[in-house]
Amino acid sequence: MTYLIAYDGSADSRHAIEFAAKHLSAEPTVIVTVWEPLLVQLARHGAAAAAAIVNEEPEEFRAQAEANAKEGAELALASGLTDVGYRAVADRSSIWQAIVDLADELDASLVITGSRGLAGVRSVLLGSVSNHVLHHARRPTLIVPPGE
C-alpha cells in the first residue's frame, strides 16, 4: 500500500497530513506538490500573469515546489508517518490531473487531499482540485475537511 498526499502548504493540506498520520496505519507515503511551468501559467492566466512572473526563472518554480513537497514530507514524519518520500510534479493540464496521474503511476492505494472549496459562482464553474480528484481518480480518495 502507498498513500499519496497532495500538499500545497495551505492549512488544509497540513491538516490532511496530520489527519492521515493520526488515523491511518503507517504505510509508505508520498507527498506531492504540483507546480505550474511558466508556459502553463501564461496560457492559463494570460498577460496579467506575465507581469507578475517575468522576474522568476522557470527553475525557481520547480525548486519552490520541491521545497514545498519536502516541507510536507517533514511534517508527515513529525506527525508520525515513517516511510515518507516527496515529489514535485509539473502541471501540464490541471493540478487535479497531475495528482491523478501520479496516483496511477505509483499505484497508490489511497489519495488524500485537504478540502479547499471555492466560494460562490466560481465553485460551480470551476470546481475544486479535491472535487476533481475525487471524481476522476480510479482509486479510493480521502478528502479531509478543514481542522478546527
Protein backbone atom coordinates (compact mmCIF):
# COMPACT_ATOMS: atom_id res chain seq x y z
CA MET A 1 0.00 0.00 0.00
CA THR A 2 1.12 3.54 -0.75
CA TYR A 3 -0.58 6.74 0.28
CA LEU A 4 -0.37 9.82 -1.93
CA ILE A 5 -0.99 13.09 -0.10
CA ALA A 6 -1.38 16.35 -2.01
CA TYR A 7 0.37 19.23 -0.25
CA ASP A 8 0.44 22.89 -1.25
CA GLY A 9 1.45 24.46 2.05
CA SER A 10 -2.07 25.55 2.95
CA ALA A 11 -3.62 24.95 6.36
CA ASP A 12 -6.00 22.42 4.78
CA SER A 13 -3.18 20.40 3.25
CA ARG A 14 -1.25 20.46 6.53
CA HIS A 15 -4.35 19.21 8.32
CA ALA A 16 -4.74 16.40 5.74
CA ILE A 17 -1.21 15.17 6.51
CA GLU A 18 -1.80 15.35 10.25
CA PHE A 19 -5.14 13.55 9.91
CA ALA A 20 -3.59 10.77 7.82
CA ALA A 21 -0.79 10.29 10.34
CA LYS A 22 -3.25 10.12 13.23
CA HIS A 23 -5.91 7.88 11.69
CA LEU A 24 -4.24 5.65 9.11
CA SER A 25 -1.78 2.83 9.62
CA ALA A 26 1.82 3.64 8.81
CA GLU A 27 2.35 2.80 5.14
CA PRO A 28 4.75 4.15 2.53
CA THR A 29 3.64 7.70 1.79
CA VAL A 30 4.47 10.13 -1.00
CA ILE A 31 3.81 13.84 -0.54
CA VAL A 32 3.18 15.61 -3.84
CA THR A 33 3.27 19.30 -4.70
CA VAL A 34 2.15 20.30 -8.18
CA TRP A 35 3.79 23.29 -9.83
CA GLU A 36 2.88 25.24 -12.94
CA PRO A 37 5.57 25.66 -15.60
CA LEU A 38 5.91 29.17 -16.99
CA LEU A 39 4.17 28.38 -20.29
CA VAL A 40 1.21 26.83 -18.48
CA GLN A 41 0.91 29.92 -16.28
CA LEU A 42 0.98 32.21 -19.28
CA ALA A 43 -1.59 30.13 -21.14
CA ARG A 44 -3.86 29.90 -18.12
CA HIS A 45 -3.53 33.43 -16.75
CA GLY A 46 -2.55 35.46 -19.81
CA ALA A 47 -0.69 38.75 -19.89
CA ALA A 48 -1.63 39.69 -16.33
CA ALA A 49 0.38 36.74 -15.06
CA ALA A 50 3.33 37.61 -17.28
CA ALA A 51 3.97 40.84 -15.40
CA ALA A 52 3.87 39.06 -12.05
CA ILE A 53 6.23 36.24 -13.05
CA VAL A 54 8.59 37.85 -15.53
CA ASN A 55 11.38 38.14 -12.95
CA GLU A 56 11.23 34.50 -11.90
CA GLU A 57 13.05 31.78 -13.78
CA PRO A 58 11.12 28.56 -14.58
CA GLU A 59 13.65 26.62 -12.49
CA GLU A 60 12.58 28.66 -9.47
CA PHE A 61 9.02 27.31 -9.79
CA ARG A 62 10.26 23.72 -9.71
CA ALA A 63 12.68 24.45 -6.87
CA GLN A 64 9.93 26.10 -4.81
CA ALA A 65 7.64 23.10 -5.40
CA GLU A 66 10.45 20.74 -4.33
CA ALA A 67 10.96 22.75 -1.14
CA ASN A 68 7.22 22.73 -0.50
CA ALA A 69 6.95 18.97 -1.01
CA LYS A 70 9.95 18.44 1.27
CA GLU A 71 8.26 20.60 3.92
CA GLY A 72 5.17 18.38 3.63
CA ALA A 73 7.29 15.25 3.99
CA GLU A 74 8.95 16.67 7.11
CA LEU A 75 5.50 17.44 8.55
CA ALA A 76 4.40 13.89 7.77
CA LEU A 77 7.44 12.47 9.58
CA ALA A 78 6.90 14.78 12.56
CA SER A 79 3.23 13.71 12.64
CA GLY A 80 4.13 10.03 12.93
CA LEU A 81 4.33 8.63 9.40
CA THR A 82 7.60 6.75 8.97
CA ASP A 83 8.26 5.83 5.33
CA VAL A 84 7.81 9.18 3.58
CA GLY A 85 9.05 10.44 0.23
CA TYR A 86 8.13 13.50 -1.76
CA ARG A 87 7.74 14.62 -5.36
CA ALA A 88 7.24 17.89 -7.18
CA VAL A 89 5.23 17.33 -10.34
CA ALA A 90 4.68 19.76 -13.21
CA ASP A 91 1.10 20.69 -14.04
CA ARG A 92 0.74 20.11 -17.78
CA SER A 93 -3.05 20.49 -17.99
CA SER A 94 -4.50 20.80 -14.48
CA ILE A 95 -3.43 20.29 -10.89
CA TRP A 96 -6.01 17.59 -10.26
CA GLN A 97 -4.92 15.67 -13.36
CA ALA A 98 -1.28 15.74 -12.22
CA ILE A 99 -2.34 14.27 -8.87
CA VAL A 100 -4.49 11.57 -10.51
CA ASP A 101 -1.69 10.69 -12.95
CA LEU A 102 0.87 10.36 -10.16
CA ALA A 103 -1.55 8.20 -8.16
CA ASP A 104 -1.79 5.90 -11.17
CA GLU A 105 1.98 5.90 -11.67
CA LEU A 106 2.56 4.97 -8.02
CA ASP A 107 -0.43 2.60 -7.93
CA ALA A 108 -1.44 4.47 -4.79
CA SER A 109 -3.88 2.62 -2.56
CA LEU A 110 -5.31 5.91 -1.26
CA VAL A 111 -5.19 9.54 -2.43
CA ILE A 112 -5.53 12.13 0.33
CA THR A 113 -6.23 15.83 -0.11
CA GLY A 114 -7.46 18.66 2.03
CA SER A 115 -10.76 20.30 1.09
CA ARG A 116 -10.49 23.82 -0.25
CA GLY A 117 -13.87 24.83 -1.59
CA LEU A 118 -14.16 27.84 -3.85
CA ALA A 119 -16.89 30.31 -2.98
CA GLY A 120 -19.97 31.23 -4.95
CA VAL A 121 -20.21 31.02 -8.72
CA ARG A 122 -16.56 30.05 -9.18
CA SER A 123 -17.12 26.74 -7.41
CA VAL A 124 -19.98 25.92 -9.76
CA LEU A 125 -17.98 26.85 -12.85
CA LEU A 126 -14.53 25.54 -11.96
CA GLY A 127 -14.89 23.04 -9.15
CA SER A 128 -12.03 22.41 -6.79
CA VAL A 129 -8.91 20.29 -7.03
CA SER A 130 -10.18 17.91 -4.36
CA ASN A 131 -13.56 17.59 -6.09
CA HIS A 132 -11.92 16.75 -9.42
CA VAL A 133 -9.52 14.26 -7.81
CA LEU A 134 -12.49 12.59 -6.10
CA HIS A 135 -14.41 12.24 -9.35
CA HIS A 136 -11.53 11.27 -11.64
CA ALA A 137 -9.20 9.14 -9.54
CA ARG A 138 -9.60 5.46 -10.22
CA ARG A 139 -8.80 4.61 -6.61
CA PRO A 140 -10.04 5.41 -3.11
CA THR A 141 -9.83 9.09 -2.21
CA LEU A 142 -9.99 10.73 1.20
CA ILE A 143 -10.83 14.42 1.37
CA VAL A 144 -10.08 15.82 4.80
CA PRO A 145 -12.22 18.77 5.89
CA PRO A 146 -10.56 21.81 7.47
CA GLY A 147 -9.28 21.45 11.02
CA GLU A 148 -10.73 23.40 13.89
